[in-house]
Amino acid sequence: MTKKYSSRKELKSLAMKFTEKNRFDDASRERFLIEVDRLKSSGNLSDRDILVIAFQRLQNK
């Protein structure tokens, strides 16, 4: 399976779709998007890994 590395804009769009599908409230959506942005800035994680890690961190808070 190949890893997908999107631009920041494309990844934010994916993250928004993820939050809509999972019915996040506004506060959770905001925290999730911030976490996605931090993870994207921090290194070479795939889109999938970024979304999974951001979701896990949101669940742990």
PDB file of N, CA and C in Angstrom:
ATOM      1  N   MET A   1       0.848  -1.179   0.000  1.00  0.00           N
ATOM      2  CA  MET A   1       0.000   0.000   0.000  1.00  0.00           C
ATOM      3  C   MET A   1       0.894   1.243   0.000  1.00  0.00           C
ATOM      4  N   THR A   2       0.628   2.148  -0.908  1.00  0.00           N
ATOM      5  CA  THR A   2       1.443   3.354  -0.984  1.00  0.00           C
ATOM      6  C   THR A   2       0.969   4.378   0.030  1.00  0.00           C
ATOM      7  N   LYS A   3       1.897   5.202   0.465  1.00  0.00           N
ATOM      8  CA  LYS A   3       1.566   6.257   1.408  1.00  0.00           C
ATOM      9  C   LYS A   3       1.222   7.513   0.630  1.00  0.00           C
ATOM     10  N   LYS A   4       0.226   8.236   1.114  1.00  0.00           N
ATOM     11  CA  LYS A   4      -0.197   9.467   0.456  1.00  0.00           C
ATOM     12  C   LYS A   4       0.263  10.654   1.282  1.00  0.00           C
ATOM     13  N   TYR A   5       0.908  11.592   0.614  1.00  0.00           N
ATOM     14  CA  TYR A   5       1.371  12.821   1.251  1.00  0.00           C
ATOM     15  C   TYR A   5       0.742  13.991   0.514  1.00  0.00           C
ATOM     16  N   SER A   6      -0.294  14.566   1.089  1.00  0.00           N
ATOM     17  CA  SER A   6      -1.014  15.670   0.459  1.00  0.00           C
ATOM     18  C   SER A   6      -0.434  17.005   0.891  1.00  0.00           C
ATOM     19  N   SER A   7      -0.833  18.024   0.165  1.00  0.00           N
ATOM     20  CA  SER A   7      -0.480  19.380   0.595  1.00  0.00           C
ATOM     21  C   SER A   7      -1.263  19.692   1.865  1.00  0.00           C
ATOM     22  N   ARG A   8      -0.871  20.735   2.546  1.00  0.00           N
ATOM     23  CA  ARG A   8      -1.555  21.127   3.785  1.00  0.00           C
ATOM     24  C   ARG A   8      -3.042  21.411   3.507  1.00  0.00           C
ATOM     25  N   LYS A   9      -3.320  22.064   2.396  1.00  0.00           N
ATOM     26  CA  LYS A   9      -4.700  22.405   2.041  1.00  0.00           C
ATOM     27  C   LYS A   9      -5.529  21.144   1.779  1.00  0.00           C
ATOM     28  N   GLU A  10      -4.966  20.203   1.039  1.00  0.00           N
ATOM     29  CA  GLU A  10      -5.673  18.951   0.759  1.00  0.00           C
ATOM     30  C   GLU A  10      -5.918  18.153   2.038  1.00  0.00           C
ATOM     31  N   LEU A  11      -4.923  18.129   2.919  1.00  0.00           N
ATOM     32  CA  LEU A  11      -5.067  17.398   4.170  1.00  0.00           C
ATOM     33  C   LEU A  11      -6.141  18.033   5.057  1.00  0.00           C
ATOM     34  N   LYS A  12      -6.199  19.365   5.097  1.00  0.00           N
ATOM     35  CA  LYS A  12      -7.251  20.037   5.884  1.00  0.00           C
ATOM     36  C   LYS A  12      -8.634  19.682   5.340  1.00  0.00           C
ATOM     37  N   SER A  13      -8.745  19.584   4.028  1.00  0.00           N
ATOM     38  CA  SER A  13     -10.015  19.203   3.420  1.00  0.00           C
ATOM     39  C   SER A  13     -10.400  17.777   3.827  1.00  0.00           C
ATOM     40  N   LEU A  14      -9.441  16.870   3.798  1.00  0.00           N
ATOM     41  CA  LEU A  14      -9.683  15.496   4.246  1.00  0.00           C
ATOM     42  C   LEU A  14     -10.092  15.467   5.722  1.00  0.00           C
ATOM     43  N   ALA A  15      -9.411  16.250   6.523  1.00  0.00           N
ATOM     44  CA  ALA A  15      -9.702  16.294   7.958  1.00  0.00           C
ATOM     45  C   ALA A  15     -11.113  16.831   8.207  1.00  0.00           C
ATOM     46  N   MET A  16     -11.523  17.848   7.451  1.00  0.00           N
ATOM     47  CA  MET A  16     -12.881  18.386   7.608  1.00  0.00           C
ATOM     48  C   MET A  16     -13.929  17.338   7.249  1.00  0.00           C
ATOM     49  N   LYS A  17     -13.692  16.599   6.179  1.00  0.00           N
ATOM     50  CA  LYS A  17     -14.622  15.530   5.796  1.00  0.00           C
ATOM     51  C   LYS A  17     -14.694  14.470   6.893  1.00  0.00           C
ATOM     52  N   PHE A  18     -13.544  14.163   7.482  1.00  0.00           N
ATOM     53  CA  PHE A  18     -13.479  13.190   8.572  1.00  0.00           C
ATOM     54  C   PHE A  18     -14.319  13.664   9.761  1.00  0.00           C
ATOM     55  N   THR A  19     -14.197  14.950  10.112  1.00  0.00           N
ATOM     56  CA  THR A  19     -14.951  15.471  11.258  1.00  0.00           C
ATOM     57  C   THR A  19     -16.453  15.508  10.972  1.00  0.00           C
ATOM     58  N   GLU A  20     -16.823  15.803   9.739  1.00  0.00           N
ATOM     59  CA  GLU A  20     -18.238  15.823   9.381  1.00  0.00           C
ATOM     60  C   GLU A  20     -18.831  14.422   9.420  1.00  0.00           C
ATOM     61  N   LYS A  21     -18.092  13.465   8.890  1.00  0.00           N
ATOM     62  CA  LYS A  21     -18.560  12.083   8.867  1.00  0.00           C
ATOM     63  C   LYS A  21     -18.718  11.530  10.280  1.00  0.00           C
ATOM     64  N   ASN A  22     -17.818  11.925  11.174  1.00  0.00           N
ATOM     65  CA  ASN A  22     -17.843  11.425  12.543  1.00  0.00           C
ATOM     66  C   ASN A  22     -18.589  12.343  13.507  1.00  0.00           C
ATOM     67  N   ARG A  23     -19.232  13.372  12.965  1.00  0.00           N
ATOM     68  CA  ARG A  23     -20.103  14.278  13.718  1.00  0.00           C
ATOM     69  C   ARG A  23     -19.430  14.892  14.950  1.00  0.00           C
ATOM     70  N   PHE A  24     -18.258  15.465  14.736  1.00  0.00           N
ATOM     71  CA  PHE A  24     -17.555  16.167  15.816  1.00  0.00           C
ATOM     72  C   PHE A  24     -18.301  17.444  16.155  1.00  0.00           C
ATOM     73  N   ASP A  25     -18.307  17.816  17.432  1.00  0.00           N
ATOM     74  CA  ASP A  25     -18.848  19.125  17.789  1.00  0.00           C
ATOM     75  C   ASP A  25     -17.806  20.186  17.410  1.00  0.00           C
ATOM     76  N   ASP A  26     -18.180  21.451  17.498  1.00  0.00           N
ATOM     77  CA  ASP A  26     -17.298  22.531  17.037  1.00  0.00           C
ATOM     78  C   ASP A  26     -15.966  22.563  17.778  1.00  0.00           C
ATOM     79  N   ALA A  27     -15.997  22.378  19.098  1.00  0.00           N
ATOM     80  CA  ALA A  27     -14.758  22.419  19.880  1.00  0.00           C
ATOM     81  C   ALA A  27     -13.831  21.267  19.519  1.00  0.00           C
ATOM     82  N   SER A  28     -14.395  20.090  19.341  1.00  0.00           N
ATOM     83  CA  SER A  28     -13.586  18.925  18.971  1.00  0.00           C
ATOM     84  C   SER A  28     -13.019  19.076  17.562  1.00  0.00           C
ATOM     85  N   ARG A  29     -13.835  19.623  16.673  1.00  0.00           N
ATOM     86  CA  ARG A  29     -13.377  19.851  15.293  1.00  0.00           C
ATOM     87  C   ARG A  29     -12.176  20.793  15.285  1.00  0.00           C
ATOM     88  N   GLU A  30     -12.276  21.858  16.070  1.00  0.00           N
ATOM     89  CA  GLU A  30     -11.186  22.828  16.135  1.00  0.00           C
ATOM     90  C   GLU A  30      -9.899  22.194  16.667  1.00  0.00           C
ATOM     91  N   ARG A  31     -10.017  21.450  17.767  1.00  0.00           N
ATOM     92  CA  ARG A  31      -8.835  20.781  18.344  1.00  0.00           C
ATOM     93  C   ARG A  31      -8.243  19.763  17.375  1.00  0.00           C
ATOM     94  N   PHE A  32      -9.113  19.020  16.676  1.00  0.00           N
ATOM     95  CA  PHE A  32      -8.657  18.024  15.709  1.00  0.00           C
ATOM     96  C   PHE A  32      -7.879  18.684  14.576  1.00  0.00           C
ATOM     97  N   LEU A  33      -8.408  19.763  14.034  1.00  0.00           N
ATOM     98  CA  LEU A  33      -7.738  20.455  12.922  1.00  0.00           C
ATOM     99  C   LEU A  33      -6.400  21.053  13.349  1.00  0.00           C
ATOM    100  N   ILE A  34      -6.334  21.562  14.564  1.00  0.00           N
ATOM    101  CA  ILE A  34      -5.064  22.088  15.082  1.00  0.00           C
ATOM    102  C   ILE A  34      -4.052  20.962  15.218  1.00  0.00           C
ATOM    103  N   GLU A  35      -4.494  19.829  15.723  1.00  0.00           N
ATOM    104  CA  GLU A  35      -3.592  18.682  15.886  1.00  0.00           C
ATOM    105  C   GLU A  35      -3.109  18.175  14.528  1.00  0.00           C
ATOM    106  N   VAL A  36      -3.996  18.132  13.549  1.00  0.00           N
ATOM    107  CA  VAL A  36      -3.609  17.723  12.190  1.00  0.00           C
ATOM    108  C   VAL A  36      -2.539  18.666  11.649  1.00  0.00           C
ATOM    109  N   ASP A  37      -2.734  19.962  11.861  1.00  0.00           N
ATOM    110  CA  ASP A  37      -1.774  20.956  11.394  1.00  0.00           C
ATOM    111  C   ASP A  37      -0.413  20.769  12.075  1.00  0.00           C
ATOM    112  N   ARG A  38      -0.425  20.530  13.372  1.00  0.00           N
ATOM    113  CA  ARG A  38       0.830  20.304  14.109  1.00  0.00           C
ATOM    114  C   ARG A  38       1.562  19.069  13.585  1.00  0.00           C
ATOM    115  N   LEU A  39       0.819  17.994  13.378  1.00  0.00           N
ATOM    116  CA  LEU A  39       1.441  16.754  12.905  1.00  0.00           C
ATOM    117  C   LEU A  39       1.993  16.916  11.490  1.00  0.00           C
ATOM    118  N   LYS A  40       1.278  17.637  10.654  1.00  0.00           N
ATOM    119  CA  LYS A  40       1.744  17.876   9.283  1.00  0.00           C
ATOM    120  C   LYS A  40       3.052  18.665   9.303  1.00  0.00           C
ATOM    121  N   SER A  41       3.148  19.626  10.206  1.00  0.00           N
ATOM    122  CA  SER A  41       4.340  20.464  10.304  1.00  0.00           C
ATOM    123  C   SER A  41       5.530  19.724  10.896  1.00  0.00           C
ATOM    124  N   SER A  42       5.247  18.686  11.676  1.00  0.00           N
ATOM    125  CA  SER A  42       6.311  18.046  12.444  1.00  0.00           C
ATOM    126  C   SER A  42       7.153  17.031  11.680  1.00  0.00           C
ATOM    127  N   GLY A  43       6.702  16.563  10.532  1.00  0.00           N
ATOM    128  CA  GLY A  43       7.538  15.567   9.870  1.00  0.00           C
ATOM    129  C   GLY A  43       6.917  14.944   8.646  1.00  0.00           C
ATOM    130  N   ASN A  44       7.348  13.728   8.365  1.00  0.00           N
ATOM    131  CA  ASN A  44       6.966  13.031   7.138  1.00  0.00           C
ATOM    132  C   ASN A  44       5.972  11.901   7.382  1.00  0.00           C
ATOM    133  N   LEU A  45       4.900  12.185   8.089  1.00  0.00           N
ATOM    134  CA  LEU A  45       3.863  11.193   8.306  1.00  0.00           C
ATOM    135  C   LEU A  45       2.917  11.177   7.108  1.00  0.00           C
ATOM    136  N   SER A  46       2.360  10.008   6.821  1.00  0.00           N
ATOM    137  CA  SER A  46       1.374   9.923   5.746  1.00  0.00           C
ATOM    138  C   SER A  46       0.073  10.565   6.207  1.00  0.00           C
ATOM    139  N   ASP A  47      -0.797  10.868   5.265  1.00  0.00           N
ATOM    140  CA  ASP A  47      -2.089  11.467   5.597  1.00  0.00           C
ATOM    141  C   ASP A  47      -2.852  10.572   6.570  1.00  0.00           C
ATOM    142  N   ARG A  48      -2.862   9.290   6.286  1.00  0.00           N
ATOM    143  CA  ARG A  48      -3.567   8.334   7.133  1.00  0.00           C
ATOM    144  C   ARG A  48      -3.031   8.372   8.558  1.00  0.00           C
ATOM    145  N   ASP A  49      -1.719   8.347   8.683  1.00  0.00           N
ATOM    146  CA  ASP A  49      -1.100   8.363  10.010  1.00  0.00           C
ATOM    147  C   ASP A  49      -1.437   9.650  10.766  1.00  0.00           C
ATOM    148  N   ILE A  50      -1.431  10.769  10.060  1.00  0.00           N
ATOM    149  CA  ILE A  50      -1.750  12.048  10.689  1.00  0.00           C
ATOM    150  C   ILE A  50      -3.183  12.042  11.222  1.00  0.00           C
ATOM    151  N   LEU A  51      -4.129  11.575  10.416  1.00  0.00           N
ATOM    152  CA  LEU A  51      -5.526  11.555  10.848  1.00  0.00           C
ATOM    153  C   LEU A  51      -5.737  10.607  12.027  1.00  0.00           C
ATOM    154  N   VAL A  52      -5.097   9.451  11.986  1.00  0.00           N
ATOM    155  CA  VAL A  52      -5.242   8.471  13.069  1.00  0.00           C
ATOM    156  C   VAL A  52      -4.644   9.001  14.365  1.00  0.00           C
ATOM    157  N   ILE A  53      -3.437   9.535  14.298  1.00  0.00           N
ATOM    158  CA  ILE A  53      -2.771  10.046  15.504  1.00  0.00           C
ATOM    159  C   ILE A  53      -3.543  11.231  16.082  1.00  0.00           C
ATOM    160  N   ALA A  54      -4.007  12.135  15.221  1.00  0.00           N
ATOM    161  CA  ALA A  54      -4.779  13.292  15.698  1.00  0.00           C
ATOM    162  C   ALA A  54      -6.062  12.832  16.384  1.00  0.00           C
ATOM    163  N   PHE A  55      -6.726  11.839  15.818  1.00  0.00           N
ATOM    164  CA  PHE A  55      -7.947  11.311  16.424  1.00  0.00           C
ATOM    165  C   PHE A  55      -7.648  10.661  17.774  1.00  0.00           C
ATOM    166  N   GLN A  56      -6.582   9.894  17.840  1.00  0.00           N
ATOM    167  CA  GLN A  56      -6.198   9.262  19.110  1.00  0.00           C
ATOM    168  C   GLN A  56      -5.885  10.297  20.179  1.00  0.00           C
ATOM    169  N   ARG A  57      -5.173  11.339  19.811  1.00  0.00           N
ATOM    170  CA  ARG A  57      -4.832  12.393  20.771  1.00  0.00           C
ATOM    171  C   ARG A  57      -6.089  13.119  21.243  1.00  0.00           C
ATOM    172  N   LEU A  58      -7.030  13.316  20.354  1.00  0.00           N
ATOM    173  CA  LEU A  58      -8.288  13.966  20.722  1.00  0.00           C
ATOM    174  C   LEU A  58      -9.053  13.107  21.716  1.00  0.00           C
ATOM    175  N   GLN A  59      -9.040  11.791  21.507  1.00  0.00           N
ATOM    176  CA  GLN A  59      -9.744  10.871  22.404  1.00  0.00           C
ATOM    177  C   GLN A  59      -9.106  10.819  23.789  1.00  0.00           C
ATOM    178  N   ASN A  60      -7.789  11.027  23.862  1.00  0.00           N
ATOM    179  CA  ASN A  60      -7.071  10.949  25.120  1.00  0.00           C
ATOM    180  C   ASN A  60      -7.191  12.220  25.949  1.00  0.00           C
ATOM    181  N   LYS A  61      -7.667  13.307  25.375  1.00  0.00           N
ATOM    182  CA  LYS A  61      -7.768  14.579  26.109  1.00  0.00           C
ATOM    183  C   LYS A  61      -9.078  14.698  26.819  1.00  0.00           C
TER     184      LYS A  61
END
